[in-house]
PDB file of N, CA and C in Angstrom:
ATOM      1  N   MET A   1       0.781  -1.085   0.233  1.00  0.00           N
ATOM      2  CA  MET A   1       0.072   0.009   0.058  1.00  0.00           C
ATOM      3  C   MET A   1       0.326   1.231   0.037  1.00  0.00           C
ATOM      4  N   TYR A   2       1.716   1.256   1.016  1.00  0.00           N
ATOM      5  CA  TYR A   2       2.660   2.658   0.576  1.00  0.00           C
ATOM      6  C   TYR A   2       3.654   2.784  -0.767  1.00  0.00           C
ATOM      7  N   GLY A   3       4.000   1.852  -1.209  1.00  0.00           N
ATOM      8  CA  GLY A   3       4.425   1.668  -2.037  1.00  0.00           C
ATOM      9  C   GLY A   3       3.670   2.236  -3.213  1.00  0.00           C
ATOM     10  N   TRP A   4       2.828   1.606  -3.450  1.00  0.00           N
ATOM     11  CA  TRP A   4       1.445   2.340  -4.799  1.00  0.00           C
ATOM     12  C   TRP A   4       1.251   3.910  -4.428  1.00  0.00           C
ATOM     13  N   ILE A   5       1.175   4.025  -2.755  1.00  0.00           N
ATOM     14  CA  ILE A   5       0.993   5.921  -2.435  1.00  0.00           C
ATOM     15  C   ILE A   5       2.295   6.038  -3.064  1.00  0.00           C
ATOM     16  N   TRP A   6       3.350   5.946  -2.789  1.00  0.00           N
ATOM     17  CA  TRP A   6       4.898   6.412  -3.118  1.00  0.00           C
ATOM     18  C   TRP A   6       4.693   6.891  -4.648  1.00  0.00           C
ATOM     19  N   ARG A   7       4.425   5.840  -5.287  1.00  0.00           N
ATOM     20  CA  ARG A   7       4.755   5.738  -6.803  1.00  0.00           C
ATOM     21  C   ARG A   7       3.793   6.740  -7.490  1.00  0.00           C
ATOM     22  N   HIS A   8       2.614   6.909  -6.955  1.00  0.00           N
ATOM     23  CA  HIS A   8       1.581   7.747  -7.769  1.00  0.00           C
ATOM     24  C   HIS A   8       1.861   9.406  -7.320  1.00  0.00           C
ATOM     25  N   LEU A   9       2.497   9.907  -6.103  1.00  0.00           N
ATOM     26  CA  LEU A   9       2.899  10.995  -5.687  1.00  0.00           C
ATOM     27  C   LEU A   9       3.716  11.582  -6.762  1.00  0.00           C
ATOM     28  N   PRO A  10       3.435  12.755  -7.211  1.00  0.00           N
ATOM     29  CA  PRO A  10       4.007  13.710  -8.176  1.00  0.00           C
ATOM     30  C   PRO A  10       4.921  14.110  -7.464  1.00  0.00           C
ATOM     31  N   GLY A  11       6.286  14.660  -8.213  1.00  0.00           N
ATOM     32  CA  GLY A  11       7.423  15.081  -8.122  1.00  0.00           C
ATOM     33  C   GLY A  11       9.087  14.279  -7.975  1.00  0.00           C
ATOM     34  N   ASN A  12       9.645  14.645  -6.973  1.00  0.00           N
ATOM     35  CA  ASN A  12      10.989  14.478  -6.533  1.00  0.00           C
ATOM     36  C   ASN A  12      10.731  13.803  -5.673  1.00  0.00           C
ATOM     37  N   ALA A  13      11.709  13.217  -5.225  1.00  0.00           N
ATOM     38  CA  ALA A  13      11.317  12.424  -3.392  1.00  0.00           C
ATOM     39  C   ALA A  13      11.755  13.401  -2.535  1.00  0.00           C
ATOM     40  N   TRP A  14      12.318  14.712  -2.388  1.00  0.00           N
ATOM     41  CA  TRP A  14      12.075  15.348  -1.638  1.00  0.00           C
ATOM     42  C   TRP A  14      10.082  15.693  -1.609  1.00  0.00           C
ATOM     43  N   ALA A  15       9.609  15.908  -2.501  1.00  0.00           N
ATOM     44  CA  ALA A  15       8.468  16.426  -2.622  1.00  0.00           C
ATOM     45  C   ALA A  15       7.165  15.778  -2.269  1.00  0.00           C
ATOM     46  N   ARG A  16       7.467  13.990  -2.889  1.00  0.00           N
ATOM     47  CA  ARG A  16       7.029  12.692  -2.120  1.00  0.00           C
ATOM     48  C   ARG A  16       6.664  13.202  -0.844  1.00  0.00           C
ATOM     49  N   ALA A  17       8.162  13.340  -0.185  1.00  0.00           N
ATOM     50  CA  ALA A  17       8.575  13.084   1.208  1.00  0.00           C
ATOM     51  C   ALA A  17       7.238  14.208   1.988  1.00  0.00           C
ATOM     52  N   LEU A  18       7.328  15.637   1.270  1.00  0.00           N
ATOM     53  CA  LEU A  18       6.756  16.228   2.009  1.00  0.00           C
ATOM     54  C   LEU A  18       5.074  15.910   1.748  1.00  0.00           C
ATOM     55  N   LEU A  19       5.107  15.729   0.709  1.00  0.00           N
ATOM     56  CA  LEU A  19       3.288  15.172   0.584  1.00  0.00           C
ATOM     57  C   LEU A  19       2.872  14.303   1.368  1.00  0.00           C
ATOM     58  N   SER A  20       3.738  13.288   1.720  1.00  0.00           N
ATOM     59  CA  SER A  20       3.473  12.487   2.290  1.00  0.00           C
ATOM     60  C   SER A  20       3.090  12.408   3.715  1.00  0.00           C
ATOM     61  N   LEU A  21       4.117  13.539   3.958  1.00  0.00           N
ATOM     62  CA  LEU A  21       3.533  14.038   5.383  1.00  0.00           C
ATOM     63  C   LEU A  21       2.686  14.730   5.530  1.00  0.00           C
ATOM     64  N   ALA A  22       2.289  15.301   4.744  1.00  0.00           N
ATOM     65  CA  ALA A  22       0.684  16.255   4.643  1.00  0.00           C
ATOM     66  C   ALA A  22       0.020  15.185   4.685  1.00  0.00           C
ATOM     67  N   LEU A  23      -0.006  14.038   4.146  1.00  0.00           N
ATOM     68  CA  LEU A  23      -1.249  12.915   3.911  1.00  0.00           C
ATOM     69  C   LEU A  23      -1.227  12.464   5.284  1.00  0.00           C
ATOM     70  N   VAL A  24      -0.139  12.330   6.112  1.00  0.00           N
ATOM     71  CA  VAL A  24      -0.002  11.486   7.733  1.00  0.00           C
ATOM     72  C   VAL A  24      -0.665  12.609   8.584  1.00  0.00           C
ATOM     73  N   VAL A  25      -0.543  13.872   8.427  1.00  0.00           N
ATOM     74  CA  VAL A  25      -0.986  15.143   9.425  1.00  0.00           C
ATOM     75  C   VAL A  25      -2.579  14.979   8.689  1.00  0.00           C
ATOM     76  N   ALA A  26      -2.463  14.674   7.617  1.00  0.00           N
ATOM     77  CA  ALA A  26      -4.232  15.065   7.097  1.00  0.00           C
ATOM     78  C   ALA A  26      -4.821  13.757   7.677  1.00  0.00           C
ATOM     79  N   VAL A  27      -4.450  12.828   7.798  1.00  0.00           N
ATOM     80  CA  VAL A  27      -5.104  11.520   8.393  1.00  0.00           C
ATOM     81  C   VAL A  27      -5.353  11.478   9.674  1.00  0.00           C
ATOM     82  N   VAL A  28      -4.140  12.052  10.605  1.00  0.00           N
ATOM     83  CA  VAL A  28      -4.141  11.773  12.281  1.00  0.00           C
ATOM     84  C   VAL A  28      -5.383  13.506  12.705  1.00  0.00           C
ATOM     85  N   TYR A  29      -5.325  14.646  11.819  1.00  0.00           N
ATOM     86  CA  TYR A  29      -6.535  15.238  11.724  1.00  0.00           C
ATOM     87  C   TYR A  29      -7.688  15.388  11.612  1.00  0.00           C
ATOM     88  N   VAL A  30      -7.820  14.590  11.036  1.00  0.00           N
ATOM     89  CA  VAL A  30      -9.305  13.247  11.022  1.00  0.00           C
ATOM     90  C   VAL A  30      -9.532  12.727  11.557  1.00  0.00           C
ATOM     91  N   LEU A  31      -8.881  11.579  11.804  1.00  0.00           N
ATOM     92  CA  LEU A  31      -8.916  10.734  13.049  1.00  0.00           C
ATOM     93  C   LEU A  31      -9.287  11.654  14.621  1.00  0.00           C
ATOM     94  N   PHE A  32      -8.554  12.723  14.642  1.00  0.00           N
ATOM     95  CA  PHE A  32      -8.550  12.859  16.025  1.00  0.00           C
ATOM     96  C   PHE A  32     -10.262  13.972  16.097  1.00  0.00           C
ATOM     97  N   ASN A  33     -10.696  14.304  15.288  1.00  0.00           N
ATOM     98  CA  ASN A  33     -11.303  15.371  15.446  1.00  0.00           C
ATOM     99  C   ASN A  33     -12.762  14.232  14.892  1.00  0.00           C
ATOM    100  N   TYR A  34     -12.707  13.767  13.662  1.00  0.00           N
ATOM    101  CA  TYR A  34     -14.093  13.597  13.772  1.00  0.00           C
ATOM    102  C   TYR A  34     -14.207  11.640  14.384  1.00  0.00           C
ATOM    103  N   VAL A  35     -13.352  11.000  14.026  1.00  0.00           N
ATOM    104  CA  VAL A  35     -13.547   9.356  14.227  1.00  0.00           C
ATOM    105  C   VAL A  35     -13.402   9.162  15.257  1.00  0.00           C
ATOM    106  N   PHE A  36     -12.333   9.731  16.701  1.00  0.00           N
ATOM    107  CA  PHE A  36     -12.414   9.505  17.715  1.00  0.00           C
ATOM    108  C   PHE A  36     -13.826  10.167  18.388  1.00  0.00           C
ATOM    109  N   PRO A  37     -13.577  11.156  18.422  1.00  0.00           N
ATOM    110  CA  PRO A  37     -14.723  11.558  18.801  1.00  0.00           C
ATOM    111  C   PRO A  37     -16.001  11.064  18.610  1.00  0.00           C
ATOM    112  N   TRP A  38     -16.439  10.189  17.386  1.00  0.00           N
ATOM    113  CA  TRP A  38     -17.662   9.822  17.197  1.00  0.00           C
ATOM    114  C   TRP A  38     -17.281   8.053  17.823  1.00  0.00           C
ATOM    115  N   ALA A  39     -16.187   7.624  17.910  1.00  0.00           N
ATOM    116  CA  ALA A  39     -16.552   6.240  18.090  1.00  0.00           C
ATOM    117  C   ALA A  39     -16.107   5.884  19.712  1.00  0.00           C
ATOM    118  N   GLU A  40     -15.915   7.053  20.385  1.00  0.00           N
ATOM    119  CA  GLU A  40     -15.194   7.260  21.938  1.00  0.00           C
ATOM    120  C   GLU A  40     -17.072   7.098  22.677  1.00  0.00           C
ATOM    121  N   PRO A  41     -18.248   7.035  22.649  1.00  0.00           N
ATOM    122  CA  PRO A  41     -19.379   6.812  23.386  1.00  0.00           C
ATOM    123  C   PRO A  41     -19.508   4.966  23.525  1.00  0.00           C
ATOM    124  N   LEU A  42     -19.126   4.970  21.795  1.00  0.00           N
ATOM    125  CA  LEU A  42     -19.468   2.733  21.526  1.00  0.00           C
ATOM    126  C   LEU A  42     -18.669   1.838  22.217  1.00  0.00           C
ATOM    127  N   LEU A  43     -17.183   2.718  22.904  1.00  0.00           N
ATOM    128  CA  LEU A  43     -15.991   2.144  23.882  1.00  0.00           C
ATOM    129  C   LEU A  43     -16.617   2.060  25.208  1.00  0.00           C
ATOM    130  N   PRO A  44     -16.029   0.851  25.657  1.00  0.00           N
ATOM    131  CA  PRO A  44     -16.276   0.202  27.165  1.00  0.00           C
ATOM    132  C   PRO A  44     -15.515   1.084  28.337  1.00  0.00           C
ATOM    133  N   PHE A  45     -14.833   1.666  27.484  1.00  0.00           N
ATOM    134  CA  PHE A  45     -13.668   2.489  28.689  1.00  0.00           C
ATOM    135  C   PHE A  45     -14.103   3.028  30.275  1.00  0.00           C
ATOM    136  N   ASN A  46     -15.428   3.547  29.613  1.00  0.00           N
ATOM    137  CA  ASN A  46     -15.845   4.300  31.197  1.00  0.00           C
ATOM    138  C   ASN A  46     -16.980   3.139  32.132  1.00  0.00           C
ATOM    139  N   ASP A  47     -16.844   1.864  31.537  1.00  0.00           N
ATOM    140  CA  ASP A  47     -17.185   0.489  32.463  1.00  0.00           C
ATOM    141  C   ASP A  47     -16.573   0.450  33.296  1.00  0.00           C
ATOM    142  N   VAL A  48     -17.259   0.519  34.757  1.00  0.00           N
ATOM    143  CA  VAL A  48     -16.350   0.091  35.362  1.00  0.00           C
ATOM    144  C   VAL A  48     -17.263  -1.059  36.553  1.00  0.00           C
ATOM    145  N   THR A  49     -16.365  -1.826  36.977  1.00  0.00           N
ATOM    146  CA  THR A  49     -17.007  -2.634  37.926  1.00  0.00           C
ATOM    147  C   THR A  49     -16.870  -2.621  39.201  1.00  0.00           C
ATOM    148  N   VAL A  50     -16.245  -1.253  39.847  1.00  0.00           N
ATOM    149  CA  VAL A  50     -15.486  -1.444  41.607  1.00  0.00           C
ATOM    150  C   VAL A  50     -16.880  -0.390  41.806  1.00  0.00           C
ATOM    151  N   ASP A  51     -17.377  -0.446  43.006  1.00  0.00           N
ATOM    152  CA  ASP A  51     -18.281   0.367  43.459  1.00  0.00           C
ATOM    153  C   ASP A  51     -17.619   0.860  45.042  1.00  0.00           C
ATOM    154  N   ASN A  52     -17.969   2.757  44.565  1.00  0.00           N
ATOM    155  CA  ASN A  52     -17.102   3.233  45.831  1.00  0.00           C
ATOM    156  C   ASN A  52     -18.061   3.148  47.015  1.00  0.00           C
ATOM    157  N   GLN A  53     -17.069   2.549  48.057  1.00  0.00           N
ATOM    158  CA  GLN A  53     -17.967   1.546  49.308  1.00  0.00           C
ATOM    159  C   GLN A  53     -17.401   3.089  50.574  1.00  0.00           C
TER     160      GLN A  53
END
């Protein structure tokens, strides 16, 4: 998959490296701002079984 992305990016190696860095930043941005907040209520992280006594 990464080879396919690298081959299809335009430019020389430096331009491809900058574009791939921009792609990684864009994916991280989308994950943290849209995907993780959407999925957070569906995850059982707040389901505790220890009672306060």
